Protein backbone atom coordinates (compact mmCIF):
# COMPACT_ATOMS: atom_id res chain seq x y z
CA MET A 1 0.22 0.07 0.42
CA GLN A 2 1.40 3.15 -1.06
CA PHE A 3 1.38 6.06 1.01
CA LYS A 4 1.62 10.08 0.37
CA VAL A 5 2.23 12.73 2.25
CA GLY A 6 -0.11 14.64 3.53
CA GLN A 7 -2.47 11.73 3.41
CA GLN A 8 -4.44 11.31 6.13
CA VAL A 9 -4.63 7.55 7.83
CA VAL A 10 -5.97 5.81 11.27
CA PHE A 11 -3.70 3.80 13.17
CA LEU A 12 -4.40 0.00 12.65
CA ARG A 13 -3.32 -0.47 16.54
CA GLU A 14 -4.31 1.82 18.86
CA VAL A 15 -6.97 4.86 18.28
CA GLY A 16 -6.69 8.17 16.48
CA GLY A 17 -4.59 8.95 12.83
CA GLY A 18 -2.70 11.62 11.35
CA VAL A 19 -1.14 13.02 8.19
CA VAL A 20 1.93 11.57 6.87
CA LYS A 21 4.81 13.28 7.24
CA GLN A 22 7.36 11.73 5.21
CA GLU A 23 8.93 8.36 4.30
CA ILE A 24 12.28 7.15 5.89
CA SER A 25 14.26 4.34 5.57
CA GLN A 26 13.42 0.76 6.01
CA GLY A 27 10.10 1.47 4.95
CA LYS A 28 9.19 3.18 7.85
CA ILE A 29 6.58 6.55 7.65
CA ILE A 30 6.52 9.25 10.00
CA VAL A 31 2.93 10.32 10.43
CA GLU A 32 1.85 13.34 12.63
CA ASP A 33 -1.06 12.95 15.50
CA SER A 34 -4.35 15.82 15.31
CA ASP A 35 -2.09 16.39 19.21
CA GLY A 36 1.34 17.18 16.65
CA PHE A 37 3.30 14.11 17.97
CA GLU A 38 5.35 12.54 15.48
CA HIS A 39 4.52 8.61 15.03
CA SER A 40 6.91 6.20 13.39
CA CYS A 41 5.38 3.46 11.84
CA PHE A 42 5.16 0.48 9.01
CA PRO A 43 2.48 0.50 6.13
CA ASN A 44 1.13 -2.48 7.94
CA GLU A 45 0.35 -0.43 11.10
CA ILE A 46 -1.98 2.19 9.17
CA ALA A 47 -4.54 2.78 6.71
CA HIS A 48 -5.64 5.44 4.56
CA VAL A 49 -8.83 7.85 5.08
CA HIS A 50 -11.71 6.97 2.63
CA GLY A 51 -14.06 9.69 4.12
CA GLU A 52 -14.78 13.18 2.71
CA ASP A 53 -11.58 14.75 3.29
CA TYR A 54 -9.41 12.12 1.46
CA LYS A 55 -8.40 13.20 -1.97
CA ILE A 56 -8.37 11.41 -5.00
CA ASN A 57 -9.43 11.48 -8.43
CA ALA A 58 -13.34 12.07 -8.47
CA ASP A 59 -13.54 9.92 -11.53
CA ASP A 60 -12.72 6.82 -8.99
CA ILE A 61 -15.51 7.55 -6.58
CA VAL A 62 -18.95 6.40 -6.58
CA ALA A 63 -20.61 8.61 -4.15
CA ILE A 64 -24.16 6.37 -3.34
CA ASN A 65 -26.05 9.28 -1.63
CA GLU A 66 -29.49 7.78 -2.75
CA ASP A 67 -30.42 6.74 0.92
CA GLU A 68 -30.15 8.56 4.11
CA SER A 69 -27.36 6.06 5.59
CA PHE A 70 -25.22 7.04 2.50
CA ALA A 71 -25.39 10.59 3.09
CA THR A 72 -21.86 10.94 4.77
CA ILE A 73 -19.81 8.21 3.13
CA ARG A 74 -18.11 7.48 -0.09
CA HIS A 75 -17.08 4.52 -1.41
CA GLN A 76 -13.84 3.71 -3.58
CA VAL A 77 -14.69 1.74 -6.32
CA LYS A 78 -11.38 -0.02 -8.24
CA LYS A 79 -11.95 -1.71 -11.66
CA GLY A 80 -10.34 -5.27 -11.57
CA VAL A 81 -7.60 -6.06 -13.87
CA LEU A 82 -8.75 -9.70 -15.32
CA THR A 83 -6.65 -11.73 -18.11
CA GLY A 84 -8.78 -13.89 -20.66
CA ARG A 85 -11.88 -13.15 -22.06
CA ARG A 86 -13.40 -11.95 -19.06
CA LYS A 87 -14.26 -8.70 -18.38
CA PRO A 88 -12.75 -6.00 -15.49
CA ILE A 89 -15.27 -6.35 -12.33
CA ASP A 90 -16.18 -3.50 -9.95
CA VAL A 91 -14.91 -3.74 -6.51
CA TRP A 92 -16.17 -1.68 -4.08
CA GLU A 93 -14.27 -0.72 -0.51
CA ILE A 94 -15.96 0.64 2.46
CA ASP A 95 -14.15 1.63 5.58
CA LEU A 96 -15.71 0.99 8.47
CA HIS A 97 -13.63 3.40 11.16
CA ILE A 98 -15.90 5.10 12.81
CA GLU A 99 -14.36 8.45 11.69
CA SER A 100 -14.99 7.31 8.34
CA ILE A 101 -18.58 7.20 8.68
CA THR A 102 -19.85 9.88 10.78
CA ASP A 103 -18.29 13.97 11.22
CA SER A 104 -18.60 13.02 15.29
CA HIS A 105 -18.65 9.79 17.51
CA ARG A 106 -18.36 11.97 20.91
CA GLY A 107 -20.72 11.02 23.20
CA MET A 108 -21.26 7.52 21.51
CA SER A 109 -20.89 3.93 23.38
CA ASN A 110 -18.86 1.82 21.81
CA ALA A 111 -22.01 -0.14 21.22
CA ASP A 112 -23.53 2.95 19.51
CA ILE A 113 -20.67 3.10 17.22
CA LEU A 114 -20.59 -0.78 16.37
CA MET A 115 -24.72 -0.12 15.94
CA LYS A 116 -23.63 2.48 13.36
CA GLN A 117 -20.84 0.58 11.79
CA MET A 118 -22.86 -2.49 11.11
CA ARG A 119 -25.96 -0.23 10.05
CA GLU A 120 -22.97 1.06 7.24
CA LEU A 121 -22.27 -2.68 6.32
CA ARG A 122 -25.87 -3.71 6.09
CA THR A 123 -26.86 -0.92 3.39
CA PHE A 124 -23.94 -1.10 1.63
CA TYR A 125 -24.05 -4.98 1.33
CA GLN A 126 -27.21 -4.54 0.15
CA ARG A 127 -26.80 -1.43 -2.37
CA ALA A 128 -23.83 -4.08 -3.68
CA LEU A 129 -26.42 -6.93 -4.17
CA SER A 130 -28.99 -4.62 -5.99
CA ARG A 131 -25.73 -3.31 -8.22
CA ARG A 132 -24.82 -6.83 -8.89
CA ILE A 133 -21.32 -6.40 -7.60
CA ARG A 134 -19.24 -9.47 -7.00
CA LYS A 135 -16.23 -7.94 -5.14
CA LEU A 136 -16.16 -6.41 -2.20
CA VAL A 137 -13.48 -4.93 0.80
CA ILE A 138 -14.40 -4.32 4.32
CA ILE A 139 -12.13 -2.01 5.79
CA HIS A 140 -12.75 -3.18 10.08
CA GLY A 141 -9.51 -2.52 11.47
CA VAL A 142 -7.53 -4.74 14.07
CA GLY A 143 -8.41 -3.62 17.63
CA GLU A 144 -9.49 -6.01 19.34
CA GLY A 145 -11.69 -7.49 16.87
CA VAL A 146 -15.14 -6.71 18.21
CA LEU A 147 -16.17 -5.06 14.40
CA ARG A 148 -14.21 -7.96 12.76
CA GLU A 149 -16.10 -10.60 14.54
CA GLU A 150 -19.50 -8.78 13.94
CA VAL A 151 -18.43 -8.19 10.04
CA ARG A 152 -17.75 -12.14 9.72
CA SER A 153 -20.74 -13.04 11.77
CA PHE A 154 -23.13 -10.89 8.99
CA LEU A 155 -21.28 -12.10 6.49
CA GLU A 156 -21.64 -16.30 7.39
CA ARG A 157 -25.37 -15.60 7.64
CA GLN A 158 -25.87 -14.20 4.37
CA GLU A 159 -26.13 -16.93 1.58
CA GLY A 160 -24.03 -17.08 -2.10
CA LEU A 161 -20.44 -15.77 -0.85
CA ASP A 162 -17.28 -16.27 -0.09
CA PHE A 163 -15.24 -14.15 2.46
CA TYR A 164 -11.57 -14.25 3.46
CA ASP A 165 -8.80 -12.26 4.61
CA ALA A 166 -7.90 -9.22 2.46
CA ASP A 167 -4.10 -9.25 1.38
CA PHE A 168 -2.07 -8.47 4.17
CA ARG A 169 0.63 -6.16 2.02
CA GLU A 170 -2.46 -3.77 0.74
CA TYR A 171 -4.60 -3.96 3.65
CA GLY A 172 -2.74 -5.03 7.00
CA LYS A 173 -4.66 -7.32 9.08
CA GLY A 174 -7.74 -4.94 8.81
CA ALA A 175 -9.97 -5.82 6.09
CA THR A 176 -12.11 -8.57 4.27
CA ILE A 177 -12.55 -9.79 0.98
CA VAL A 178 -16.59 -10.96 -0.14
CA GLU A 179 -16.61 -12.47 -3.26
CA ILE A 180 -20.36 -13.02 -4.37
CA ARG A 181 -21.10 -15.57 -6.17
CA VAL A 182 -22.88 -15.52 -9.73
CA ASN A 183 -26.07 -17.84 -10.00
CA GLY A 184 -26.59 -19.53 -13.71
């Protein structure tokens, strides 16, 4: 996973995040947190912020604002590169870090935060099904594993899909890939 100077990131193994300041030797990255302290991190210890402030080409983002639950979140859409006769597929990506799905979570309990994250996931999943999206990336982070377990529990109850850990080199340990099988 590539990080650029000025890009917003979140820490995967602790609360909070910051802005990439520079890349130093041995692949380490300096991140300045919101209090002005600098942290030296490996790329697998941080993740991109995919919220409103995340700056990428507007053509690479699909804003899904058709209902209230998608009013504050954007989902990155990538074109998969496949060889042979198969066409490229859309890959939807959702970042369930609470900072990405709400402007402020001040005053929310852990249970409230988890309910909000799972509501976003359910709506995202239903929207992906309705649009016949075949591959999803769900970024849940590492933390204590509560959100990951809730995501996995939700996915286990769904039919016609397979899921597995995302590529460690691209997402660290904090993401799950979902492949939706096509019937017929």
